[in-house]
C-alpha atoms as a PDB file:
ATOM      1  CA  MET A   1     -19.767  63.511 132.715  1.00  0.00           C
ATOM      2  CA  GLN A   2     -16.195  62.779 131.788  1.00  0.00           C
ATOM      3  CA  TRP A   3     -14.719  64.720 128.869  1.00  0.00           C
ATOM      4  CA  PRO A   4     -12.821  62.657 126.301  1.00  0.00           C
ATOM      5  CA  ASP A   5      -9.062  62.751 126.650  1.00  0.00           C
ATOM      6  CA  LYS A   6      -7.732  64.948 123.826  1.00  0.00           C
ATOM      7  CA  LYS A   7      -4.109  63.989 124.475  1.00  0.00           C
ATOM      8  CA  PRO A   8      -2.755  62.033 121.489  1.00  0.00           C
ATOM      9  CA  PRO A   9      -1.840  58.436 122.165  1.00  0.00           C
ATOM     10  CA  GLU A  10       1.768  57.771 123.107  1.00  0.00           C
ATOM     11  CA  ARG A  11       3.863  56.337 120.297  1.00  0.00           C
ATOM     12  CA  ASP A  12       6.249  53.517 120.847  1.00  0.00           C
ATOM     13  CA  ALA A  13       9.877  54.750 121.172  1.00  0.00           C
ATOM     14  CA  ALA A  14      10.962  52.728 118.133  1.00  0.00           C
ATOM     15  CA  GLU A  15       8.118  54.248 116.128  1.00  0.00           C
ATOM     16  CA  LYS A  16       9.247  57.756 117.100  1.00  0.00           C
ATOM     17  CA  LYS A  17      12.769  57.076 115.906  1.00  0.00           C
ATOM     18  CA  THR A  18      11.654  55.818 112.508  1.00  0.00           C
ATOM     19  CA  LEU A  19       9.171  58.616 111.890  1.00  0.00           C
ATOM     20  CA  GLY A  20      10.334  60.426 108.780  1.00  0.00           C
ATOM     21  CA  LYS A  21      13.284  58.092 108.246  1.00  0.00           C
ATOM     22  CA  GLY A  22      14.588  58.571 104.722  1.00  0.00           C
ATOM     23  CA  VAL A  23      12.461  61.702 104.247  1.00  0.00           C
ATOM     24  CA  PHE A  24      14.648  64.238 106.048  1.00  0.00           C
ATOM     25  CA  ARG A  25      18.421  64.650 106.323  1.00  0.00           C
ATOM     26  CA  LYS A  26      20.535  66.687 108.720  1.00  0.00           C
ATOM     27  CA  CYS A  27      23.461  68.545 107.173  1.00  0.00           C
ATOM     28  CA  ASP A  28      26.824  67.682 108.732  1.00  0.00           C
ATOM     29  CA  GLY A  29      27.961  71.249 108.118  1.00  0.00           C
ATOM     30  CA  CYS A  30      25.289  73.695 109.261  1.00  0.00           C
ATOM     31  CA  GLY A  31      23.157  71.205 111.215  1.00  0.00           C
ATOM     32  CA  GLU A  32      19.976  72.224 109.399  1.00  0.00           C
ATOM     33  CA  THR A  33      17.431  69.583 108.447  1.00  0.00           C
ATOM     34  CA  LEU A  34      16.406  69.380 104.795  1.00  0.00           C
ATOM     35  CA  ASP A  35      14.271  66.918 102.905  1.00  0.00           C
ATOM     36  CA  ALA A  36      16.266  64.085 101.378  1.00  0.00           C
ATOM     37  CA  GLU A  37      14.971  64.888  97.906  1.00  0.00           C
ATOM     38  CA  THR A  38      16.643  68.308  98.049  1.00  0.00           C
ATOM     39  CA  PHE A  39      19.983  66.677  98.894  1.00  0.00           C
ATOM     40  CA  ALA A  40      19.616  64.147  96.079  1.00  0.00           C
ATOM     41  CA  ARG A  41      18.592  66.781  93.545  1.00  0.00           C
ATOM     42  CA  ASN A  42      21.644  68.883  94.458  1.00  0.00           C
ATOM     43  CA  HIS A  43      24.052  65.918  94.224  1.00  0.00           C
ATOM     44  CA  GLU A  44      24.425  65.640  98.028  1.00  0.00           C
ATOM     45  CA  VAL A  45      25.554  69.260  98.436  1.00  0.00           C
ATOM     46  CA  CYS A  46      23.739  71.265 101.128  1.00  0.00           C
ATOM     47  CA  THR A  47      21.789  74.111  99.546  1.00  0.00           C
ATOM     48  CA  LEU A  48      22.232  76.244 102.671  1.00  0.00           C
ATOM     49  CA  CYS A  49      25.939  76.015 103.533  1.00  0.00           C
ATOM     50  CA  GLY A  50      27.472  74.172 100.559  1.00  0.00           C
ATOM     51  CA  ARG A  51      28.752  71.236 102.636  1.00  0.00           C
ATOM     52  CA  HIS A  52      29.660  68.303 100.375  1.00  0.00           C
ATOM     53  CA  HIS A  53      28.364  64.952 101.614  1.00  0.00           C
ATOM     54  CA  LYS A  54      29.456  61.634 100.119  1.00  0.00           C
ATOM     55  CA  LEU A  55      28.093  60.880  96.649  1.00  0.00           C
ATOM     56  CA  SER A  56      27.789  57.276  95.481  1.00  0.00           C
ATOM     57  CA  ALA A  57      29.540  55.960  92.381  1.00  0.00           C
ATOM     58  CA  PRO A  58      26.236  55.893  90.418  1.00  0.00           C
ATOM     59  CA  GLY A  59      25.717  59.498  91.536  1.00  0.00           C
ATOM     60  CA  TRP A  60      29.117  60.477  90.143  1.00  0.00           C
ATOM     61  CA  ARG A  61      28.352  58.738  86.865  1.00  0.00           C
ATOM     62  CA  ARG A  62      25.134  60.725  86.541  1.00  0.00           C
ATOM     63  CA  LEU A  63      26.961  63.932  87.435  1.00  0.00           C
ATOM     64  CA  LEU A  64      30.049  63.674  85.212  1.00  0.00           C
ATOM     65  CA  ALA A  65      29.566  61.125  82.431  1.00  0.00           C
ATOM     66  CA  ASP A  66      27.494  62.232  79.444  1.00  0.00           C
ATOM     67  CA  ASP A  67      24.056  60.603  79.796  1.00  0.00           C
ATOM     68  CA  GLY A  68      25.405  58.970  82.964  1.00  0.00           C
ATOM     69  CA  ALA A  69      26.824  56.184  80.796  1.00  0.00           C
ATOM     70  CA  VAL A  70      30.041  54.251  81.507  1.00  0.00           C
ATOM     71  CA  GLU A  71      31.086  51.216  79.454  1.00  0.00           C
ATOM     72  CA  GLU A  72      32.659  49.244  82.278  1.00  0.00           C
ATOM     73  CA  TRP A  73      35.912  47.327  81.893  1.00  0.00           C
ATOM     74  CA  ASP A  74      36.952  44.234  83.853  1.00  0.00           C
ATOM     75  CA  ALA A  75      33.868  44.279  86.077  1.00  0.00           C
ATOM     76  CA  HIS A  76      34.267  40.525  86.629  1.00  0.00           C
ATOM     77  CA  LEU A  77      37.521  40.817  88.591  1.00  0.00           C
ATOM     78  CA  GLU A  78      37.128  40.153  92.297  1.00  0.00           C
ATOM     79  CA  PRO A  79      39.493  39.593  95.246  1.00  0.00           C
ATOM     80  CA  SER A  80      40.488  36.273  96.758  1.00  0.00           C
ATOM     81  CA  ASP A  81      41.862  35.598 100.239  1.00  0.00           C
ATOM     82  CA  PRO A  82      45.532  34.680  99.673  1.00  0.00           C
ATOM     83  CA  LEU A  83      46.544  35.136 103.338  1.00  0.00           C
ATOM     84  CA  ASP A  84      43.508  33.453 104.962  1.00  0.00           C
ATOM     85  CA  PHE A  85      43.195  36.648 106.969  1.00  0.00           C
ATOM     86  CA  VAL A  86      40.865  36.808 109.965  1.00  0.00           C
ATOM     87  CA  ASP A  87      40.144  39.861 112.128  1.00  0.00           C
ATOM     88  CA  GLY A  88      36.988  38.916 113.974  1.00  0.00           C
ATOM     89  CA  LYS A  89      35.563  37.882 110.588  1.00  0.00           C
ATOM     90  CA  SER A  90      37.322  36.150 107.744  1.00  0.00           C
ATOM     91  CA  TYR A  91      38.387  38.308 104.817  1.00  0.00           C
ATOM     92  CA  GLY A  92      36.137  36.249 102.570  1.00  0.00           C
ATOM     93  CA  GLU A  93      33.131  37.132 104.737  1.00  0.00           C
ATOM     94  CA  ARG A  94      34.000  40.828 104.594  1.00  0.00           C
ATOM     95  CA  ILE A  95      34.315  40.707 100.812  1.00  0.00           C
ATOM     96  CA  ALA A  96      30.943  38.949 100.487  1.00  0.00           C
ATOM     97  CA  ALA A  97      29.274  41.531 102.744  1.00  0.00           C
ATOM     98  CA  ALA A  98      30.777  44.418 100.783  1.00  0.00           C
ATOM     99  CA  GLN A  99      29.710  42.899  97.468  1.00  0.00           C
ATOM    100  CA  LYS A 100      26.168  42.431  98.724  1.00  0.00           C
ATOM    101  CA  LYS A 101      26.039  46.003 100.028  1.00  0.00           C
ATOM    102  CA  THR A 102      27.459  47.711  96.908  1.00  0.00           C
ATOM    103  CA  HIS A 103      26.441  45.290  94.134  1.00  0.00           C
ATOM    104  CA  ALA A 104      30.037  45.529  92.909  1.00  0.00           C
ATOM    105  CA  LYS A 105      32.876  43.001  92.816  1.00  0.00           C
ATOM    106  CA  GLU A 106      35.561  45.421  94.034  1.00  0.00           C
ATOM    107  CA  ALA A 107      36.175  48.916  95.404  1.00  0.00           C
ATOM    108  CA  LEU A 108      36.918  50.400  92.006  1.00  0.00           C
ATOM    109  CA  GLU A 109      35.117  50.715  88.708  1.00  0.00           C
ATOM    110  CA  ILE A 110      36.878  51.523  85.437  1.00  0.00           C
ATOM    111  CA  GLY A 111      35.643  51.969  81.908  1.00  0.00           C
ATOM    112  CA  ARG A 112      35.136  54.232  78.925  1.00  0.00           C
ATOM    113  CA  ALA A 113      32.880  57.272  79.025  1.00  0.00           C
ATOM    114  CA  THR A 114      32.496  60.680  77.471  1.00  0.00           C
ATOM    115  CA  LEU A 115      32.654  63.896  79.447  1.00  0.00           C
ATOM    116  CA  GLY A 116      31.511  67.041  77.702  1.00  0.00           C
ATOM    117  CA  GLY A 117      31.719  65.138  74.416  1.00  0.00           C
ATOM    118  CA  VAL A 118      35.351  64.078  75.028  1.00  0.00           C
ATOM    119  CA  PRO A 119      36.059  60.307  75.206  1.00  0.00           C
ATOM    120  CA  ILE A 120      37.855  59.431  78.456  1.00  0.00           C
ATOM    121  CA  ALA A 121      39.099  56.461  80.427  1.00  0.00           C
ATOM    122  CA  TRP A 122      37.005  56.608  83.594  1.00  0.00           C
ATOM    123  CA  GLY A 123      37.860  55.387  87.065  1.00  0.00           C
ATOM    124  CA  ALA A 124      36.007  55.818  90.366  1.00  0.00           C
ATOM    125  CA  PHE A 125      36.574  54.391  93.831  1.00  0.00           C
ATOM    126  CA  LEU A 126      33.564  52.977  95.678  1.00  0.00           C
ATOM    127  CA  PHE A 127      34.084  54.126  99.258  1.00  0.00           C
ATOM    128  CA  ALA A 128      31.141  52.015 100.409  1.00  0.00           C
ATOM    129  CA  PHE A 129      33.182  48.909  99.481  1.00  0.00           C
ATOM    130  CA  MET A 130      35.463  48.411 102.505  1.00  0.00           C
ATOM    131  CA  GLY A 131      36.285  52.104 102.693  1.00  0.00           C
ATOM    132  CA  GLY A 132      37.488  52.210  99.092  1.00  0.00           C
ATOM    133  CA  SER A 133      40.580  50.287 100.194  1.00  0.00           C
ATOM    134  CA  MET A 134      43.093  49.211  97.566  1.00  0.00           C
ATOM    135  CA  GLY A 135      43.861  45.515  97.417  1.00  0.00           C
ATOM    136  CA  SER A 136      45.565  43.563  94.648  1.00  0.00           C
ATOM    137  CA  VAL A 137      42.482  43.550  92.406  1.00  0.00           C
ATOM    138  CA  ALA A 138      41.846  47.283  92.791  1.00  0.00           C
ATOM    139  CA  GLY A 139      45.522  47.900  92.013  1.00  0.00           C
ATOM    140  CA  GLU A 140      45.293  45.659  88.962  1.00  0.00           C
ATOM    141  CA  LYS A 141      42.247  47.558  87.712  1.00  0.00           C
ATOM    142  CA  ILE A 142      44.026  50.905  88.124  1.00  0.00           C
ATOM    143  CA  ALA A 143      47.045  49.578  86.216  1.00  0.00           C
ATOM    144  CA  ARG A 144      44.730  48.304  83.477  1.00  0.00           C
ATOM    145  CA  LEU A 145      42.954  51.663  83.394  1.00  0.00           C
ATOM    146  CA  PHE A 146      46.216  53.487  82.610  1.00  0.00           C
ATOM    147  CA  GLU A 147      47.426  50.835  80.170  1.00  0.00           C
ATOM    148  CA  ARG A 148      44.165  50.665  78.234  1.00  0.00           C
ATOM    149  CA  ALA A 149      44.055  54.455  78.107  1.00  0.00           C
ATOM    150  CA  VAL A 150      47.470  54.343  76.411  1.00  0.00           C
ATOM    151  CA  ALA A 151      46.327  51.657  73.957  1.00  0.00           C
ATOM    152  CA  GLU A 152      43.175  53.608  73.036  1.00  0.00           C
ATOM    153  CA  GLY A 153      44.684  57.102  73.235  1.00  0.00           C
ATOM    154  CA  LEU A 154      42.360  58.320  75.986  1.00  0.00           C
ATOM    155  CA  PRO A 155      42.870  60.870  78.773  1.00  0.00           C
ATOM    156  CA  VAL A 156      42.214  59.496  82.264  1.00  0.00           C
ATOM    157  CA  VAL A 157      39.803  60.951  84.817  1.00  0.00           C
ATOM    158  CA  LEU A 158      40.073  59.109  88.132  1.00  0.00           C
ATOM    159  CA  LEU A 159      37.929  59.870  91.197  1.00  0.00           C
ATOM    160  CA  GLN A 160      39.796  59.042  94.391  1.00  0.00           C
ATOM    161  CA  SER A 161      38.038  58.158  97.647  1.00  0.00           C
ATOM    162  CA  SER A 162      39.946  55.667  99.741  1.00  0.00           C
ATOM    163  CA  GLY A 163      41.163  54.804 103.195  1.00  0.00           C
ATOM    164  CA  GLY A 164      44.366  53.425 101.654  1.00  0.00           C
ATOM    165  CA  ALA A 165      45.876  49.974 101.168  1.00  0.00           C
ATOM    166  CA  ARG A 166      43.717  47.054 102.306  1.00  0.00           C
ATOM    167  CA  MET A 167      45.193  45.573 105.471  1.00  0.00           C
ATOM    168  CA  GLN A 168      43.661  42.122 104.909  1.00  0.00           C
ATOM    169  CA  GLU A 169      46.054  41.603 101.979  1.00  0.00           C
ATOM    170  CA  GLY A 170      49.196  42.745 103.799  1.00  0.00           C
ATOM    171  CA  ILE A 171      52.265  43.264 101.610  1.00  0.00           C
ATOM    172  CA  LEU A 172      50.272  42.322  98.487  1.00  0.00           C
ATOM    173  CA  SER A 173      48.227  45.505  98.853  1.00  0.00           C
ATOM    174  CA  LEU A 174      51.338  47.647  99.426  1.00  0.00           C
ATOM    175  CA  MET A 175      52.871  46.289  96.207  1.00  0.00           C
ATOM    176  CA  GLN A 176      50.012  47.944  94.297  1.00  0.00           C
ATOM    177  CA  MET A 177      51.504  51.371  95.029  1.00  0.00           C
ATOM    178  CA  ALA A 178      54.588  50.688  92.876  1.00  0.00           C
ATOM    179  CA  LYS A 179      52.596  48.813  90.244  1.00  0.00           C
ATOM    180  CA  THR A 180      50.041  51.565  89.682  1.00  0.00           C
ATOM    181  CA  VAL A 181      52.687  54.319  89.546  1.00  0.00           C
ATOM    182  CA  ALA A 182      54.661  52.315  86.964  1.00  0.00           C
ATOM    183  CA  ALA A 183      51.526  52.024  84.818  1.00  0.00           C
ATOM    184  CA  LEU A 184      50.901  55.757  85.244  1.00  0.00           C
ATOM    185  CA  GLU A 185      54.410  56.489  83.953  1.00  0.00           C
ATOM    186  CA  ARG A 186      53.504  54.750  80.692  1.00  0.00           C
ATOM    187  CA  LEU A 187      50.512  57.094  80.386  1.00  0.00           C
ATOM    188  CA  LYS A 188      52.791  60.084  80.950  1.00  0.00           C
ATOM    189  CA  ASP A 189      55.291  58.761  78.375  1.00  0.00           C
ATOM    190  CA  ALA A 190      52.398  58.711  75.903  1.00  0.00           C
ATOM    191  CA  LYS A 191      51.702  62.377  76.818  1.00  0.00           C
ATOM    192  CA  LEU A 192      48.090  61.615  77.667  1.00  0.00           C
ATOM    193  CA  PRO A 193      46.413  63.742  80.377  1.00  0.00           C
ATOM    194  CA  PHE A 194      45.634  62.385  83.825  1.00  0.00           C
ATOM    195  CA  ILE A 195      43.147  64.382  85.892  1.00  0.00           C
ATOM    196  CA  SER A 196      42.979  63.246  89.497  1.00  0.00           C
ATOM    197  CA  VAL A 197      39.853  64.229  91.445  1.00  0.00           C
ATOM    198  CA  LEU A 198      40.372  63.982  95.206  1.00  0.00           C
ATOM    199  CA  LEU A 199      37.255  63.298  97.231  1.00  0.00           C
ATOM    200  CA  ASP A 200      36.716  62.865 100.967  1.00  0.00           C
ATOM    201  CA  PRO A 201      38.734  61.005 102.101  1.00  0.00           C
ATOM    202  CA  THR A 202      41.842  60.333  99.978  1.00  0.00           C
ATOM    203  CA  THR A 203      44.378  58.811 102.348  1.00  0.00           C
ATOM    204  CA  GLY A 204      46.939  56.080 102.949  1.00  0.00           C
ATOM    205  CA  GLY A 205      48.609  54.195 100.118  1.00  0.00           C
ATOM    206  CA  VAL A 206      46.332  55.730  97.498  1.00  0.00           C
ATOM    207  CA  ALA A 207      47.335  59.276  98.462  1.00  0.00           C
ATOM    208  CA  ALA A 208      50.970  58.139  98.693  1.00  0.00           C
ATOM    209  CA  SER A 209      51.038  56.728  95.156  1.00  0.00           C
ATOM    210  CA  PHE A 210      49.085  57.788  92.079  1.00  0.00           C
ATOM    211  CA  ALA A 211      46.373  60.042  93.580  1.00  0.00           C
ATOM    212  CA  LEU A 212      48.574  63.143  93.807  1.00  0.00           C
ATOM    213  CA  LEU A 213      50.469  62.502  90.567  1.00  0.00           C
ATOM    214  CA  GLY A 214      47.851  63.913  88.210  1.00  0.00           C
ATOM    215  CA  ASP A 215      48.745  66.450  85.553  1.00  0.00           C
ATOM    216  CA  VAL A 216      46.003  68.389  87.318  1.00  0.00           C
ATOM    217  CA  ASN A 217      44.901  67.558  90.866  1.00  0.00           C
ATOM    218  CA  LEU A 218      41.410  68.812  91.721  1.00  0.00           C
ATOM    219  CA  ALA A 219      39.728  68.456  95.106  1.00  0.00           C
ATOM    220  CA  GLU A 220      36.301  68.990  96.578  1.00  0.00           C
ATOM    221  CA  PRO A 221      35.878  71.550  99.376  1.00  0.00           C
ATOM    222  CA  GLY A 222      36.694  70.177 102.821  1.00  0.00           C
ATOM    223  CA  ALA A 223      38.019  66.806 101.617  1.00  0.00           C
ATOM    224  CA  LEU A 224      40.479  64.999 103.880  1.00  0.00           C
ATOM    225  CA  ILE A 225      43.694  64.449 101.877  1.00  0.00           C
ATOM    226  CA  GLY A 226      46.872  62.966 103.294  1.00  0.00           C
ATOM    227  CA  PHE A 227      48.731  59.815 104.269  1.00  0.00           C
ATOM    228  CA  ALA A 228      47.978  59.171 107.948  1.00  0.00           C
ATOM    229  CA  GLY A 229      44.878  60.740 109.499  1.00  0.00           C
ATOM    230  CA  PRO A 230      45.137  63.728 111.869  1.00  0.00           C
ATOM    231  CA  ARG A 231      44.286  61.650 114.952  1.00  0.00           C
ATOM    232  CA  VAL A 232      47.095  59.171 114.224  1.00  0.00           C
ATOM    233  CA  ILE A 233      49.575  62.002 113.674  1.00  0.00           C
ATOM    234  CA  GLU A 234      48.559  63.791 116.881  1.00  0.00           C
ATOM    235  CA  ASN A 235      48.927  60.584 118.884  1.00  0.00           C
ATOM    236  CA  THR A 236      52.368  60.004 117.340  1.00  0.00           C
ATOM    237  CA  ILE A 237      53.912  63.453 117.749  1.00  0.00           C
ATOM    238  CA  HIS A 238      51.908  64.431 120.855  1.00  0.00           C
ATOM    239  CA  GLN A 239      51.142  67.870 119.458  1.00  0.00           C
ATOM    240  CA  LYS A 240      47.960  69.661 118.472  1.00  0.00           C
ATOM    241  CA  LEU A 241      47.680  70.039 114.707  1.00  0.00           C
ATOM    242  CA  PRO A 242      46.679  73.291 112.970  1.00  0.00           C
ATOM    243  CA  GLU A 243      42.988  73.960 112.349  1.00  0.00           C
ATOM    244  CA  GLY A 244      41.843  72.362 109.103  1.00  0.00           C
ATOM    245  CA  PHE A 245      45.007  70.235 108.821  1.00  0.00           C
ATOM    246  CA  GLN A 246      44.940  67.978 105.729  1.00  0.00           C
ATOM    247  CA  ARG A 247      41.682  69.423 104.447  1.00  0.00           C
ATOM    248  CA  SER A 248      41.506  70.584 100.806  1.00  0.00           C
ATOM    249  CA  GLU A 249      42.005  74.225 101.736  1.00  0.00           C
ATOM    250  CA  PHE A 250      45.112  73.376 103.804  1.00  0.00           C
ATOM    251  CA  VAL A 251      46.760  71.192 101.148  1.00  0.00           C
ATOM    252  CA  LEU A 252      45.993  73.782  98.442  1.00  0.00           C
ATOM    253  CA  ALA A 253      47.754  76.449 100.503  1.00  0.00           C
ATOM    254  CA  HIS A 254      50.754  74.105 100.804  1.00  0.00           C
ATOM    255  CA  GLY A 255      50.965  73.319  97.080  1.00  0.00           C
ATOM    256  CA  MET A 256      49.783  69.708  97.037  1.00  0.00           C
ATOM    257  CA  ILE A 257      46.751  70.263  94.795  1.00  0.00           C
ATOM    258  CA  ASP A 258      45.979  72.670  91.978  1.00  0.00           C
ATOM    259  CA  ARG A 259      42.427  73.769  92.642  1.00  0.00           C
ATOM    260  CA  ILE A 260      39.381  73.273  94.838  1.00  0.00           C
ATOM    261  CA  VAL A 261      36.227  72.820  92.793  1.00  0.00           C
ATOM    262  CA  SER A 262      32.632  72.551  93.917  1.00  0.00           C
ATOM    263  CA  ARG A 263      31.007  69.299  92.915  1.00  0.00           C
ATOM    264  CA  LEU A 264      28.358  71.291  91.078  1.00  0.00           C
ATOM    265  CA  GLU A 265      31.065  72.838  88.860  1.00  0.00           C
ATOM    266  CA  MET A 266      33.234  69.732  88.491  1.00  0.00           C
ATOM    267  CA  LYS A 267      32.046  68.582  85.072  1.00  0.00           C
ATOM    268  CA  ARG A 268      32.484  72.016  83.513  1.00  0.00           C
ATOM    269  CA  GLU A 269      35.927  72.361  85.116  1.00  0.00           C
ATOM    270  CA  ILE A 270      37.185  68.964  83.938  1.00  0.00           C
ATOM    271  CA  ALA A 271      35.818  69.501  80.427  1.00  0.00           C
ATOM    272  CA  GLU A 272      37.601  72.861  80.213  1.00  0.00           C
ATOM    273  CA  ILE A 273      40.895  71.388  81.426  1.00  0.00           C
ATOM    274  CA  LEU A 274      40.659  68.503  78.962  1.00  0.00           C
ATOM    275  CA  GLY A 275      39.970  71.002  76.194  1.00  0.00           C
ATOM    276  CA  HIS A 276      43.176  72.893  76.995  1.00  0.00           C
ATOM    277  CA  LEU A 277      45.359  69.798  77.393  1.00  0.00           C
ATOM    278  CA  LEU A 278      44.100  68.052  74.267  1.00  0.00           C
ATOM    279  CA  ALA A 279      44.346  71.281  72.277  1.00  0.00           C
ATOM    280  CA  GLY A 280      48.010  71.323  73.303  1.00  0.00           C
ATOM    281  CA  ARG A 281      48.466  67.919  71.690  1.00  0.00           C
ATOM    282  CA  ALA A 282      46.833  69.156  68.499  1.00  0.00           C
ATOM    283  CA  SER A 283      49.082  72.252  68.407  1.00  0.00           C
ATOM    284  CA  ARG A 284      52.127  69.945  68.498  1.00  0.00           C
ATOM    285  CA  GLY A 285      50.824  68.082  65.466  1.00  0.00           C
ATOM    286  CA  GLU A 286      49.625  65.105  67.491  1.00  0.00           C
ATOM    287  CA  ASP A 287      46.267  63.417  67.111  1.00  0.00           C
ATOM    288  CA  PRO A 288      44.186  64.476  70.176  1.00  0.00           C
ATOM    289  CA  SER A 289      42.942  60.872  70.322  1.00  0.00           C
ATOM    290  CA  GLY A 290      46.463  59.808  71.306  1.00  0.00           C
ATOM    291  CA  ASN A 291      47.525  58.157  68.030  1.00  0.00           C
ATOM    292  CA  GLN A 292      50.265  59.467  65.781  1.00  0.00           C
ATOM    293  CA  SER A 293      50.615  58.396  62.140  1.00  0.00           C
ATOM    294  CA  GLY A 294      48.595  55.246  62.796  1.00  0.00           C
ATOM    295  CA  ARG A 295      50.948  54.115  65.565  1.00  0.00           C
ATOM    296  CA  LEU A 296      50.042  53.481  69.187  1.00  0.00           C
ATOM    297  CA  ALA A 297      50.908  56.276  71.554  1.00  0.00           C
ATOM    298  CA  ASN A 298      53.168  53.960  73.585  1.00  0.00           C
ATOM    299  CA  GLY A 299      55.715  54.054  70.767  1.00  0.00           C
ATOM    300  CA  HIS A 300      55.762  50.288  70.234  1.00  0.00           C
ATOM    301  CA  GLY A 301      54.844  50.798  66.590  1.00  0.00           C
ATOM    302  CA  THR A 302      51.878  48.412  66.579  1.00  0.00           C
ATOM    303  CA  ARG A 303      49.221  49.571  64.154  1.00  0.00           C
ATOM    304  CA  HIS A 304      45.511  49.471  65.027  1.00  0.00           C
ATOM    305  CA  ASP A 305      44.790  47.479  61.890  1.00  0.00           C
END
């Protein structure tokens, strides 16, 4: 008599790979495997080692904006292909693929929100959209964010996560650096706060323009912050860089940012900073909303009515 074979049937290799897909996640920091629900519930921060993984733009809205609500501005703006650029694929094809993937027209969303009960002008890069790169439309939206904040007397909270200027637009993307900084200067002239939140990564033309010009620059733990990446710098100077070069902790030690804040504490931290900065306006006899004696904060003298 032959005993039945108790050995379980062999699974197909593809079936083995997909087993548990989407159910478990491996932490990039400690290497431990946790269920995906735990990551999502803790806003993509590992509960064991505190490693911050990328959080989507909707995730940031839920985390920072009251009720997760943002009244979006200029969502219809989208890039064109002025240079007919091709790098294996046409630029138009890359834009279409990014739009399909992210359900967004561009790599940046702007709008009005409230944070801790304080009305703000909100901006957030979408890293999933071509690496959060800044082309002419993203630059235009940033300029409009600062200008509308001036018109409505709102402080600006902008979440940075970008690989820099978008190469497919050439010089047109580099021009956005000057344009956005000029718009930011109008916000500063109006004495309205700008809180810049630096996420992983914040690099290239974004880091070299407005990202590090906040009244307060906050960063997440371990975020890569700098112009060129460490690998590019090492290959250029042919030297080994210090451990942790260009990470949040390194740039804090060298005076480029003001504070490192855990994502789980970010809303409380920003709300507290806004409270101090807007209280300063009130102590100088200014309307915390940005208006003074019914005049726009930009000093042009145009009344709201």
